[in-house]
Amino acid sequence: MTTQRQEFQAQVPEWFPIDEDLTVLGSGVVEIALGASFVALPRHKRLIGGLLAAFYVVIFPGNIGQYVDGVDAFGLDTDGKRLIRLFFQPVLVVWALFGGGWIRRRPRHD
């Protein structure tokens, strides 16, 4: 059992059809597996980066639900803090795509 299980469960929207605990455990396993795979399997970074980005998109409704429902968790105890957090999820998506080679830096021309 994780030490912050209730914090994670609070982020599962009430309308989500799967048990909160099962959702937390399942998403945690997937997130850890993807993160470990990204580090341990660099030959597959493109695939894993895409899967990580998709994972971040799939869990985004939970962040929206936390904001809309005004749920306190992980120190996000005001609407302002919950709103700011929403802007960081797309950053994670872009970061995963960049790390996976889906997005490349443009070469600099001096």
PDB file of N, CA and C in Angstrom:
ATOM      1  N   MET A   1       0.841  -1.179   0.000  1.00  0.00           N
ATOM      2  CA  MET A   1       0.000   0.000   0.000  1.00  0.00           C
ATOM      3  C   MET A   1       0.886   1.241   0.000  1.00  0.00           C
ATOM      4  N   THR A   2       0.577   2.185  -0.862  1.00  0.00           N
ATOM      5  CA  THR A   2       1.381   3.400  -0.928  1.00  0.00           C
ATOM      6  C   THR A   2       1.044   4.321   0.230  1.00  0.00           C
ATOM      7  N   THR A   3       1.977   5.185   0.548  1.00  0.00           N
ATOM      8  CA  THR A   3       1.760   6.090   1.677  1.00  0.00           C
ATOM      9  C   THR A   3       0.797   7.216   1.333  1.00  0.00           C
ATOM     10  N   GLN A   4       0.618   7.495   0.054  1.00  0.00           N
ATOM     11  CA  GLN A   4      -0.261   8.597  -0.337  1.00  0.00           C
ATOM     12  C   GLN A   4      -1.421   8.116  -1.208  1.00  0.00           C
ATOM     13  N   ARG A   5      -1.877   6.932  -0.931  1.00  0.00           N
ATOM     14  CA  ARG A   5      -2.936   6.331  -1.745  1.00  0.00           C
ATOM     15  C   ARG A   5      -4.201   7.182  -1.776  1.00  0.00           C
ATOM     16  N   GLN A   6      -4.585   7.738  -0.634  1.00  0.00           N
ATOM     17  CA  GLN A   6      -5.803   8.563  -0.599  1.00  0.00           C
ATOM     18  C   GLN A   6      -5.640   9.834  -1.438  1.00  0.00           C
ATOM     19  N   GLU A   7      -4.433  10.390  -1.456  1.00  0.00           N
ATOM     20  CA  GLU A   7      -4.180  11.573  -2.284  1.00  0.00           C
ATOM     21  C   GLU A   7      -4.407  11.234  -3.753  1.00  0.00           C
ATOM     22  N   PHE A   8      -3.886  10.089  -4.181  1.00  0.00           N
ATOM     23  CA  PHE A   8      -4.066   9.664  -5.571  1.00  0.00           C
ATOM     24  C   PHE A   8      -5.539   9.349  -5.855  1.00  0.00           C
ATOM     25  N   GLN A   9      -6.206   8.678  -4.928  1.00  0.00           N
ATOM     26  CA  GLN A   9      -7.619   8.342  -5.123  1.00  0.00           C
ATOM     27  C   GLN A   9      -8.475   9.593  -5.258  1.00  0.00           C
ATOM     28  N   ALA A  10      -8.096  10.655  -4.560  1.00  0.00           N
ATOM     29  CA  ALA A  10      -8.855  11.902  -4.632  1.00  0.00           C
ATOM     30  C   ALA A  10      -8.820  12.502  -6.034  1.00  0.00           C
ATOM     31  N   GLN A  11      -7.839  12.113  -6.821  1.00  0.00           N
ATOM     32  CA  GLN A  11      -7.708  12.660  -8.168  1.00  0.00           C
ATOM     33  C   GLN A  11      -8.531  11.891  -9.207  1.00  0.00           C
ATOM     34  N   VAL A  12      -9.093  10.764  -8.834  1.00  0.00           N
ATOM     35  CA  VAL A  12      -9.921   9.991  -9.762  1.00  0.00           C
ATOM     36  C   VAL A  12     -11.310  10.615  -9.770  1.00  0.00           C
ATOM     37  N   PRO A  13     -11.766  11.091 -10.939  1.00  0.00           N
ATOM     38  CA  PRO A  13     -13.094  11.730 -10.991  1.00  0.00           C
ATOM     39  C   PRO A  13     -14.205  10.774 -10.561  1.00  0.00           C
ATOM     40  N   GLU A  14     -15.225  11.313  -9.927  1.00  0.00           N
ATOM     41  CA  GLU A  14     -16.356  10.490  -9.459  1.00  0.00           C
ATOM     42  C   GLU A  14     -17.049   9.771 -10.601  1.00  0.00           C
ATOM     43  N   TRP A  15     -17.062  10.373 -11.786  1.00  0.00           N
ATOM     44  CA  TRP A  15     -17.768   9.786 -12.923  1.00  0.00           C
ATOM     45  C   TRP A  15     -16.984   8.642 -13.573  1.00  0.00           C
ATOM     46  N   PHE A  16     -15.714   8.454 -13.189  1.00  0.00           N
ATOM     47  CA  PHE A  16     -14.914   7.409 -13.818  1.00  0.00           C
ATOM     48  C   PHE A  16     -15.473   6.044 -13.419  1.00  0.00           C
ATOM     49  N   PRO A  17     -15.727   5.165 -14.391  1.00  0.00           N
ATOM     50  CA  PRO A  17     -16.463   3.922 -14.107  1.00  0.00           C
ATOM     51  C   PRO A  17     -15.684   2.809 -13.404  1.00  0.00           C
ATOM     52  N   ILE A  18     -14.393   2.998 -13.182  1.00  0.00           N
ATOM     53  CA  ILE A  18     -13.583   1.948 -12.547  1.00  0.00           C
ATOM     54  C   ILE A  18     -13.279   2.356 -11.110  1.00  0.00           C
ATOM     55  N   ASP A  19     -13.240   1.384 -10.216  1.00  0.00           N
ATOM     56  CA  ASP A  19     -12.950   1.606  -8.807  1.00  0.00           C
ATOM     57  C   ASP A  19     -11.728   2.511  -8.633  1.00  0.00           C
ATOM     58  N   GLU A  20     -11.812   3.469  -7.714  1.00  0.00           N
ATOM     59  CA  GLU A  20     -10.725   4.436  -7.499  1.00  0.00           C
ATOM     60  C   GLU A  20      -9.401   3.745  -7.176  1.00  0.00           C
ATOM     61  N   ASP A  21      -9.437   2.759  -6.290  1.00  0.00           N
ATOM     62  CA  ASP A  21      -8.214   2.089  -5.891  1.00  0.00           C
ATOM     63  C   ASP A  21      -7.595   1.326  -7.060  1.00  0.00           C
ATOM     64  N   LEU A  22      -8.418   0.628  -7.821  1.00  0.00           N
ATOM     65  CA  LEU A  22      -7.931  -0.103  -8.982  1.00  0.00           C
ATOM     66  C   LEU A  22      -7.341   0.863 -10.014  1.00  0.00           C
ATOM     67  N   THR A  23      -7.978   2.004 -10.195  1.00  0.00           N
ATOM     68  CA  THR A  23      -7.486   3.023 -11.122  1.00  0.00           C
ATOM     69  C   THR A  23      -6.116   3.537 -10.692  1.00  0.00           C
ATOM     70  N   VAL A  24      -5.976   3.833  -9.405  1.00  0.00           N
ATOM     71  CA  VAL A  24      -4.706   4.340  -8.879  1.00  0.00           C
ATOM     72  C   VAL A  24      -3.603   3.293  -9.042  1.00  0.00           C
ATOM     73  N   LEU A  25      -3.890   2.070  -8.667  1.00  0.00           N
ATOM     74  CA  LEU A  25      -2.879   1.012  -8.785  1.00  0.00           C
ATOM     75  C   LEU A  25      -2.506   0.761 -10.246  1.00  0.00           C
ATOM     76  N   GLY A  26      -3.503   0.671 -11.093  1.00  0.00           N
ATOM     77  CA  GLY A  26      -3.245   0.413 -12.504  1.00  0.00           C
ATOM     78  C   GLY A  26      -2.460   1.530 -13.168  1.00  0.00           C
ATOM     79  N   SER A  27      -2.866   2.762 -12.936  1.00  0.00           N
ATOM     80  CA  SER A  27      -2.149   3.883 -13.562  1.00  0.00           C
ATOM     81  C   SER A  27      -0.741   4.016 -12.989  1.00  0.00           C
ATOM     82  N   GLY A  28      -0.585   3.700 -11.721  1.00  0.00           N
ATOM     83  CA  GLY A  28       0.746   3.743 -11.115  1.00  0.00           C
ATOM     84  C   GLY A  28       1.686   2.715 -11.727  1.00  0.00           C
ATOM     85  N   VAL A  29       1.189   1.514 -11.923  1.00  0.00           N
ATOM     86  CA  VAL A  29       1.996   0.457 -12.543  1.00  0.00           C
ATOM     87  C   VAL A  29       2.388   0.866 -13.964  1.00  0.00           C
ATOM     88  N   VAL A  30       1.423   1.398 -14.708  1.00  0.00           N
ATOM     89  CA  VAL A  30       1.702   1.810 -16.087  1.00  0.00           C
ATOM     90  C   VAL A  30       2.733   2.942 -16.103  1.00  0.00           C
ATOM     91  N   GLU A  31       2.565   3.920 -15.248  1.00  0.00           N
ATOM     92  CA  GLU A  31       3.491   5.061 -15.225  1.00  0.00           C
ATOM     93  C   GLU A  31       4.918   4.621 -14.859  1.00  0.00           C
ATOM     94  N   ILE A  32       5.040   3.771 -13.865  1.00  0.00           N
ATOM     95  CA  ILE A  32       6.364   3.281 -13.459  1.00  0.00           C
ATOM     96  C   ILE A  32       6.986   2.433 -14.575  1.00  0.00           C
ATOM     97  N   ALA A  33       6.180   1.572 -15.182  1.00  0.00           N
ATOM     98  CA  ALA A  33       6.685   0.721 -16.265  1.00  0.00           C
ATOM     99  C   ALA A  33       7.150   1.552 -17.454  1.00  0.00           C
ATOM    100  N   LEU A  34       6.376   2.558 -17.818  1.00  0.00           N
ATOM    101  CA  LEU A  34       6.766   3.405 -18.945  1.00  0.00           C
ATOM    102  C   LEU A  34       8.026   4.208 -18.629  1.00  0.00           C
ATOM    103  N   GLY A  35       8.092   4.769 -17.422  1.00  0.00           N
ATOM    104  CA  GLY A  35       9.275   5.534 -17.037  1.00  0.00           C
ATOM    105  C   GLY A  35      10.519   4.667 -17.007  1.00  0.00           C
ATOM    106  N   ALA A  36      10.414   3.484 -16.426  1.00  0.00           N
ATOM    107  CA  ALA A  36      11.556   2.568 -16.369  1.00  0.00           C
ATOM    108  C   ALA A  36      11.952   2.103 -17.769  1.00  0.00           C
ATOM    109  N   SER A  37      10.971   1.837 -18.605  1.00  0.00           N
ATOM    110  CA  SER A  37      11.248   1.407 -19.978  1.00  0.00           C
ATOM    111  C   SER A  37      11.941   2.506 -20.772  1.00  0.00           C
ATOM    112  N   PHE A  38      11.531   3.728 -20.543  1.00  0.00           N
ATOM    113  CA  PHE A  38      12.133   4.863 -21.253  1.00  0.00           C
ATOM    114  C   PHE A  38      13.628   4.949 -20.951  1.00  0.00           C
ATOM    115  N   VAL A  39      13.989   4.676 -19.705  1.00  0.00           N
ATOM    116  CA  VAL A  39      15.393   4.730 -19.289  1.00  0.00           C
ATOM    117  C   VAL A  39      16.140   3.455 -19.702  1.00  0.00           C
ATOM    118  N   ALA A  40      15.523   2.310 -19.505  1.00  0.00           N
ATOM    119  CA  ALA A  40      16.207   1.033 -19.703  1.00  0.00           C
ATOM    120  C   ALA A  40      16.255   0.567 -21.163  1.00  0.00           C
ATOM    121  N   LEU A  41      15.363   1.070 -21.979  1.00  0.00           N
ATOM    122  CA  LEU A  41      15.287   0.604 -23.375  1.00  0.00           C
ATOM    123  C   LEU A  41      15.452   1.759 -24.358  1.00  0.00           C
ATOM    124  N   PRO A  42      16.630   2.369 -24.402  1.00  0.00           N
ATOM    125  CA  PRO A  42      16.814   3.550 -25.252  1.00  0.00           C
ATOM    126  C   PRO A  42      16.602   3.263 -26.745  1.00  0.00           C
ATOM    127  N   ARG A  43      16.752   2.025 -27.168  1.00  0.00           N
ATOM    128  CA  ARG A  43      16.511   1.701 -28.582  1.00  0.00           C
ATOM    129  C   ARG A  43      15.037   1.856 -28.949  1.00  0.00           C
ATOM    130  N   HIS A  44      14.180   1.844 -27.950  1.00  0.00           N
ATOM    131  CA  HIS A  44      12.737   1.950 -28.195  1.00  0.00           C
ATOM    132  C   HIS A  44      12.177   3.280 -27.699  1.00  0.00           C
ATOM    133  N   LYS A  45      13.052   4.290 -27.587  1.00  0.00           N
ATOM    134  CA  LYS A  45      12.613   5.555 -26.995  1.00  0.00           C
ATOM    135  C   LYS A  45      11.490   6.229 -27.787  1.00  0.00           C
ATOM    136  N   ARG A  46      11.468   6.049 -29.086  1.00  0.00           N
ATOM    137  CA  ARG A  46      10.399   6.677 -29.876  1.00  0.00           C
ATOM    138  C   ARG A  46       9.034   6.093 -29.498  1.00  0.00           C
ATOM    139  N   LEU A  47       8.948   4.773 -29.452  1.00  0.00           N
ATOM    140  CA  LEU A  47       7.700   4.110 -29.079  1.00  0.00           C
ATOM    141  C   LEU A  47       7.305   4.475 -27.648  1.00  0.00           C
ATOM    142  N   ILE A  48       8.255   4.367 -26.738  1.00  0.00           N
ATOM    143  CA  ILE A  48       7.938   4.618 -25.330  1.00  0.00           C
ATOM    144  C   ILE A  48       7.608   6.085 -25.096  1.00  0.00           C
ATOM    145  N   GLY A  49       8.301   6.996 -25.776  1.00  0.00           N
ATOM    146  CA  GLY A  49       7.974   8.414 -25.668  1.00  0.00           C
ATOM    147  C   GLY A  49       6.555   8.694 -26.133  1.00  0.00           C
ATOM    148  N   GLY A  50       6.150   8.049 -27.214  1.00  0.00           N
ATOM    149  CA  GLY A  50       4.772   8.201 -27.695  1.00  0.00           C
ATOM    150  C   GLY A  50       3.761   7.633 -26.717  1.00  0.00           C
ATOM    151  N   LEU A  51       4.096   6.486 -26.122  1.00  0.00           N
ATOM    152  CA  LEU A  51       3.196   5.884 -25.133  1.00  0.00           C
ATOM    153  C   LEU A  51       3.098   6.744 -23.869  1.00  0.00           C
ATOM    154  N   LEU A  52       4.225   7.309 -23.451  1.00  0.00           N
ATOM    155  CA  LEU A  52       4.200   8.209 -22.297  1.00  0.00           C
ATOM    156  C   LEU A  52       3.319   9.427 -22.579  1.00  0.00           C
ATOM    157  N   ALA A  53       3.486  10.016 -23.759  1.00  0.00           N
ATOM    158  CA  ALA A  53       2.665  11.168 -24.132  1.00  0.00           C
ATOM    159  C   ALA A  53       1.181  10.796 -24.122  1.00  0.00           C
ATOM    160  N   ALA A  54       0.860   9.632 -24.690  1.00  0.00           N
ATOM    161  CA  ALA A  54      -0.539   9.177 -24.702  1.00  0.00           C
ATOM    162  C   ALA A  54      -1.049   8.960 -23.282  1.00  0.00           C
ATOM    163  N   PHE A  55      -0.215   8.393 -22.419  1.00  0.00           N
ATOM    164  CA  PHE A  55      -0.596   8.185 -21.022  1.00  0.00           C
ATOM    165  C   PHE A  55      -0.928   9.516 -20.355  1.00  0.00           C
ATOM    166  N   TYR A  56      -0.086  10.525 -20.571  1.00  0.00           N
ATOM    167  CA  TYR A  56      -0.337  11.840 -19.967  1.00  0.00           C
ATOM    168  C   TYR A  56      -1.637  12.463 -20.484  1.00  0.00           C
ATOM    169  N   VAL A  57      -1.964  12.196 -21.738  1.00  0.00           N
ATOM    170  CA  VAL A  57      -3.232  12.693 -22.296  1.00  0.00           C
ATOM    171  C   VAL A  57      -4.412  11.953 -21.656  1.00  0.00           C
ATOM    172  N   VAL A  58      -4.275  10.641 -21.490  1.00  0.00           N
ATOM    173  CA  VAL A  58      -5.359   9.822 -20.942  1.00  0.00           C
ATOM    174  C   VAL A  58      -5.669  10.199 -19.492  1.00  0.00           C
ATOM    175  N   ILE A  59      -4.663  10.545 -18.711  1.00  0.00           N
ATOM    176  CA  ILE A  59      -4.919  10.874 -17.304  1.00  0.00           C
ATOM    177  C   ILE A  59      -5.298  12.341 -17.095  1.00  0.00           C
ATOM    178  N   PHE A  60      -5.225  13.147 -18.137  1.00  0.00           N
ATOM    179  CA  PHE A  60      -5.545  14.573 -18.015  1.00  0.00           C
ATOM    180  C   PHE A  60      -6.972  14.842 -17.529  1.00  0.00           C
ATOM    181  N   PRO A  61      -7.972  14.056 -17.934  1.00  0.00           N
ATOM    182  CA  PRO A  61      -9.317  14.301 -17.398  1.00  0.00           C
ATOM    183  C   PRO A  61      -9.372  14.237 -15.866  1.00  0.00           C
ATOM    184  N   GLY A  62      -8.510  13.437 -15.254  1.00  0.00           N
ATOM    185  CA  GLY A  62      -8.449  13.407 -13.789  1.00  0.00           C
ATOM    186  C   GLY A  62      -8.023  14.750 -13.224  1.00  0.00           C
ATOM    187  N   ASN A  63      -7.075  15.395 -13.874  1.00  0.00           N
ATOM    188  CA  ASN A  63      -6.631  16.724 -13.437  1.00  0.00           C
ATOM    189  C   ASN A  63      -7.743  17.757 -13.636  1.00  0.00           C
ATOM    190  N   ILE A  64      -8.436  17.640 -14.748  1.00  0.00           N
ATOM    191  CA  ILE A  64      -9.559  18.551 -15.003  1.00  0.00           C
ATOM    192  C   ILE A  64     -10.648  18.322 -13.961  1.00  0.00           C
ATOM    193  N   GLY A  65     -10.941  17.053 -13.686  1.00  0.00           N
ATOM    194  CA  GLY A  65     -11.950  16.730 -12.679  1.00  0.00           C
ATOM    195  C   GLY A  65     -11.582  17.268 -11.312  1.00  0.00           C
ATOM    196  N   GLN A  66     -10.314  17.187 -10.954  1.00  0.00           N
ATOM    197  CA  GLN A  66      -9.865  17.715  -9.666  1.00  0.00           C
ATOM    198  C   GLN A  66     -10.107  19.224  -9.598  1.00  0.00           C
ATOM    199  N   TYR A  67      -9.870  19.919 -10.709  1.00  0.00           N
ATOM    200  CA  TYR A  67     -10.102  21.367 -10.739  1.00  0.00           C
ATOM    201  C   TYR A  67     -11.599  21.682 -10.684  1.00  0.00           C
ATOM    202  N   VAL A  68     -12.366  21.031 -11.544  1.00  0.00           N
ATOM    203  CA  VAL A  68     -13.808  21.314 -11.634  1.00  0.00           C
ATOM    204  C   VAL A  68     -14.526  20.978 -10.328  1.00  0.00           C
ATOM    205  N   ASP A  69     -14.158  19.858  -9.717  1.00  0.00           N
ATOM    206  CA  ASP A  69     -14.821  19.420  -8.487  1.00  0.00           C
ATOM    207  C   ASP A  69     -14.226  20.051  -7.231  1.00  0.00           C
ATOM    208  N   GLY A  70     -13.114  20.774  -7.382  1.00  0.00           N
ATOM    209  CA  GLY A  70     -12.492  21.426  -6.233  1.00  0.00           C
ATOM    210  C   GLY A  70     -11.930  20.456  -5.211  1.00  0.00           C
ATOM    211  N   VAL A  71     -11.330  19.369  -5.686  1.00  0.00           N
ATOM    212  CA  VAL A  71     -10.802  18.332  -4.803  1.00  0.00           C
ATOM    213  C   VAL A  71      -9.384  18.695  -4.360  1.00  0.00           C
ATOM    214  N   ASP A  72      -9.152  18.678  -3.052  1.00  0.00           N
ATOM    215  CA  ASP A  72      -7.825  18.930  -2.500  1.00  0.00           C
ATOM    216  C   ASP A  72      -7.007  17.646  -2.512  1.00  0.00           C
ATOM    217  N   ALA A  73      -5.797  17.714  -3.050  1.00  0.00           N
ATOM    218  CA  ALA A  73      -4.863  16.581  -3.016  1.00  0.00           C
ATOM    219  C   ALA A  73      -3.480  17.089  -3.387  1.00  0.00           C
ATOM    220  N   PHE A  74      -2.468  16.542  -2.750  1.00  0.00           N
ATOM    221  CA  PHE A  74      -1.078  16.880  -3.021  1.00  0.00           C
ATOM    222  C   PHE A  74      -0.790  18.375  -2.896  1.00  0.00           C
ATOM    223  N   GLY A  75      -1.401  19.022  -1.921  1.00  0.00           N
ATOM    224  CA  GLY A  75      -1.146  20.441  -1.705  1.00  0.00           C
ATOM    225  C   GLY A  75      -1.893  21.359  -2.651  1.00  0.00           C
ATOM    226  N   LEU A  76      -2.668  20.793  -3.548  1.00  0.00           N
ATOM    227  CA  LEU A  76      -3.477  21.610  -4.462  1.00  0.00           C
ATOM    228  C   LEU A  76      -4.798  21.899  -3.763  1.00  0.00           C
ATOM    229  N   ASP A  77      -4.759  22.898  -2.888  1.00  0.00           N
ATOM    230  CA  ASP A  77      -5.900  23.167  -2.019  1.00  0.00           C
ATOM    231  C   ASP A  77      -6.643  24.450  -2.358  1.00  0.00           C
ATOM    232  N   THR A  78      -6.345  25.025  -3.514  1.00  0.00           N
ATOM    233  CA  THR A  78      -7.098  26.183  -3.986  1.00  0.00           C
ATOM    234  C   THR A  78      -7.396  25.996  -5.474  1.00  0.00           C
ATOM    235  N   ASP A  79      -8.429  26.691  -5.946  1.00  0.00           N
ATOM    236  CA  ASP A  79      -8.742  26.607  -7.371  1.00  0.00           C
ATOM    237  C   ASP A  79      -7.588  27.131  -8.213  1.00  0.00           C
ATOM    238  N   GLY A  80      -6.913  28.156  -7.726  1.00  0.00           N
ATOM    239  CA  GLY A  80      -5.780  28.720  -8.465  1.00  0.00           C
ATOM    240  C   GLY A  80      -4.661  27.714  -8.657  1.00  0.00           C
ATOM    241  N   LYS A  81      -4.318  26.991  -7.590  1.00  0.00           N
ATOM    242  CA  LYS A  81      -3.265  25.974  -7.695  1.00  0.00           C
ATOM    243  C   LYS A  81      -3.680  24.849  -8.641  1.00  0.00           C
ATOM    244  N   ARG A  82      -4.942  24.444  -8.542  1.00  0.00           N
ATOM    245  CA  ARG A  82      -5.425  23.366  -9.420  1.00  0.00           C
ATOM    246  C   ARG A  82      -5.449  23.827 -10.879  1.00  0.00           C
ATOM    247  N   LEU A  83      -5.772  25.084 -11.109  1.00  0.00           N
ATOM    248  CA  LEU A  83      -5.790  25.623 -12.473  1.00  0.00           C
ATOM    249  C   LEU A  83      -4.376  25.683 -13.046  1.00  0.00           C
ATOM    250  N   ILE A  84      -3.429  26.161 -12.268  1.00  0.00           N
ATOM    251  CA  ILE A  84      -2.046  26.236 -12.738  1.00  0.00           C
ATOM    252  C   ILE A  84      -1.538  24.848 -13.117  1.00  0.00           C
ATOM    253  N   ARG A  85      -1.911  23.865 -12.342  1.00  0.00           N
ATOM    254  CA  ARG A  85      -1.466  22.498 -12.621  1.00  0.00           C
ATOM    255  C   ARG A  85      -1.917  22.026 -14.000  1.00  0.00           C
ATOM    256  N   LEU A  86      -3.083  22.463 -14.430  1.00  0.00           N
ATOM    257  CA  LEU A  86      -3.592  22.038 -15.736  1.00  0.00           C
ATOM    258  C   LEU A  86      -2.645  22.422 -16.870  1.00  0.00           C
ATOM    259  N   PHE A  87      -1.919  23.508 -16.693  1.00  0.00           N
ATOM    260  CA  PHE A  87      -1.013  23.959 -17.749  1.00  0.00           C
ATOM    261  C   PHE A  87       0.280  23.145 -17.808  1.00  0.00           C
ATOM    262  N   PHE A  88       0.567  22.374 -16.775  1.00  0.00           N
ATOM    263  CA  PHE A  88       1.782  21.574 -16.764  1.00  0.00           C
ATOM    264  C   PHE A  88       1.612  20.216 -17.440  1.00  0.00           C
ATOM    265  N   GLN A  89       0.401  19.723 -17.546  1.00  0.00           N
ATOM    266  CA  GLN A  89       0.191  18.427 -18.196  1.00  0.00           C
ATOM    267  C   GLN A  89       0.584  18.474 -19.673  1.00  0.00           C
ATOM    268  N   PRO A  90       0.208  19.515 -20.423  1.00  0.00           N
ATOM    269  CA  PRO A  90       0.677  19.578 -21.813  1.00  0.00           C
ATOM    270  C   PRO A  90       2.202  19.660 -21.909  1.00  0.00           C
ATOM    271  N   VAL A  91       2.845  20.261 -20.929  1.00  0.00           N
ATOM    272  CA  VAL A  91       4.311  20.302 -20.918  1.00  0.00           C
ATOM    273  C   VAL A  91       4.872  18.883 -20.818  1.00  0.00           C
ATOM    274  N   LEU A  92       4.257  18.049 -19.979  1.00  0.00           N
ATOM    275  CA  LEU A  92       4.693  16.652 -19.873  1.00  0.00           C
ATOM    276  C   LEU A  92       4.517  15.914 -21.194  1.00  0.00           C
ATOM    277  N   VAL A  93       3.422  16.184 -21.877  1.00  0.00           N
ATOM    278  CA  VAL A  93       3.173  15.543 -23.177  1.00  0.00           C
ATOM    279  C   VAL A  93       4.262  15.936 -24.166  1.00  0.00           C
ATOM    280  N   VAL A  94       4.544  17.221 -24.258  1.00  0.00           N
ATOM    281  CA  VAL A  94       5.576  17.699 -25.181  1.00  0.00           C
ATOM    282  C   VAL A  94       6.941  17.144 -24.790  1.00  0.00           C
ATOM    283  N   TRP A  95       7.224  17.107 -23.497  1.00  0.00           N
ATOM    284  CA  TRP A  95       8.506  16.596 -23.014  1.00  0.00           C
ATOM    285  C   TRP A  95       8.680  15.123 -23.399  1.00  0.00           C
ATOM    286  N   ALA A  96       7.623  14.329 -23.248  1.00  0.00           N
ATOM    287  CA  ALA A  96       7.692  12.911 -23.622  1.00  0.00           C
ATOM    288  C   ALA A  96       7.905  12.758 -25.129  1.00  0.00           C
ATOM    289  N   LEU A  97       7.213  13.581 -25.905  1.00  0.00           N
ATOM    290  CA  LEU A  97       7.380  13.517 -27.360  1.00  0.00           C
ATOM    291  C   LEU A  97       8.780  13.956 -27.776  1.00  0.00           C
ATOM    292  N   PHE A  98       9.302  14.979 -27.125  1.00  0.00           N
ATOM    293  CA  PHE A  98      10.662  15.442 -27.418  1.00  0.00           C
ATOM    294  C   PHE A  98      11.676  14.366 -27.040  1.00  0.00           C
ATOM    295  N   GLY A  99      11.534  13.794 -25.848  1.00  0.00           N
ATOM    296  CA  GLY A  99      12.443  12.752 -25.402  1.00  0.00           C
ATOM    297  C   GLY A  99      12.394  11.523 -26.288  1.00  0.00           C
ATOM    298  N   GLY A 100      11.238  11.263 -26.867  1.00  0.00           N
ATOM    299  CA  GLY A 100      11.082  10.117 -27.752  1.00  0.00           C
ATOM    300  C   GLY A 100      11.487  10.390 -29.188  1.00  0.00           C
ATOM    301  N   GLY A 101      11.881  11.624 -29.462  1.00  0.00           N
ATOM    302  CA  GLY A 101      12.310  11.961 -30.816  1.00  0.00           C
ATOM    303  C   GLY A 101      11.188  12.320 -31.766  1.00  0.00           C
ATOM    304  N   TRP A 102       9.986  12.474 -31.261  1.00  0.00           N
ATOM    305  CA  TRP A 102       8.856  12.864 -32.112  1.00  0.00           C
ATOM    306  C   TRP A 102       8.938  14.336 -32.482  1.00  0.00           C
ATOM    307  N   ILE A 103       9.508  15.126 -31.589  1.00  0.00           N
ATOM    308  CA  ILE A 103       9.688  16.561 -31.816  1.00  0.00           C
ATOM    309  C   ILE A 103      11.188  16.806 -31.788  1.00  0.00           C
ATOM    310  N   ARG A 104      11.659  17.529 -32.764  1.00  0.00           N
ATOM    311  CA  ARG A 104      13.097  17.797 -32.842  1.00  0.00           C
ATOM    312  C   ARG A 104      13.343  19.308 -32.783  1.00  0.00           C
ATOM    313  N   ARG A 105      14.516  19.638 -32.273  1.00  0.00           N
ATOM    314  CA  ARG A 105      14.936  21.037 -32.280  1.00  0.00           C
ATOM    315  C   ARG A 105      15.324  21.408 -33.711  1.00  0.00           C
ATOM    316  N   ARG A 106      15.021  22.627 -34.049  1.00  0.00           N
ATOM    317  CA  ARG A 106      15.463  23.119 -35.359  1.00  0.00           C
ATOM    318  C   ARG A 106      16.938  23.491 -35.259  1.00  0.00           C
ATOM    319  N   PRO A 107      17.697  23.190 -36.291  1.00  0.00           N
ATOM    320  CA  PRO A 107      19.102  23.593 -36.251  1.00  0.00           C
ATOM    321  C   PRO A 107      19.213  25.119 -36.279  1.00  0.00           C
ATOM    322  N   ARG A 108      20.175  25.606 -35.536  1.00  0.00           N
ATOM    323  CA  ARG A 108      20.390  27.062 -35.496  1.00  0.00           C
ATOM    324  C   ARG A 108      21.217  27.485 -36.705  1.00  0.00           C
ATOM    325  N   HIS A 109      20.792  28.544 -37.317  1.00  0.00           N
ATOM    326  CA  HIS A 109      21.543  29.120 -38.452  1.00  0.00           C
ATOM    327  C   HIS A 109      22.038  30.477 -38.023  1.00  0.00           C
ATOM    328  N   ASP A 110      23.326  30.586 -37.883  1.00  0.00           N
ATOM    329  CA  ASP A 110      23.901  31.874 -37.452  1.00  0.00           C
ATOM    330  C   ASP A 110      24.212  32.759 -38.621  1.00  0.00           C
TER     331      ASP A 110
END
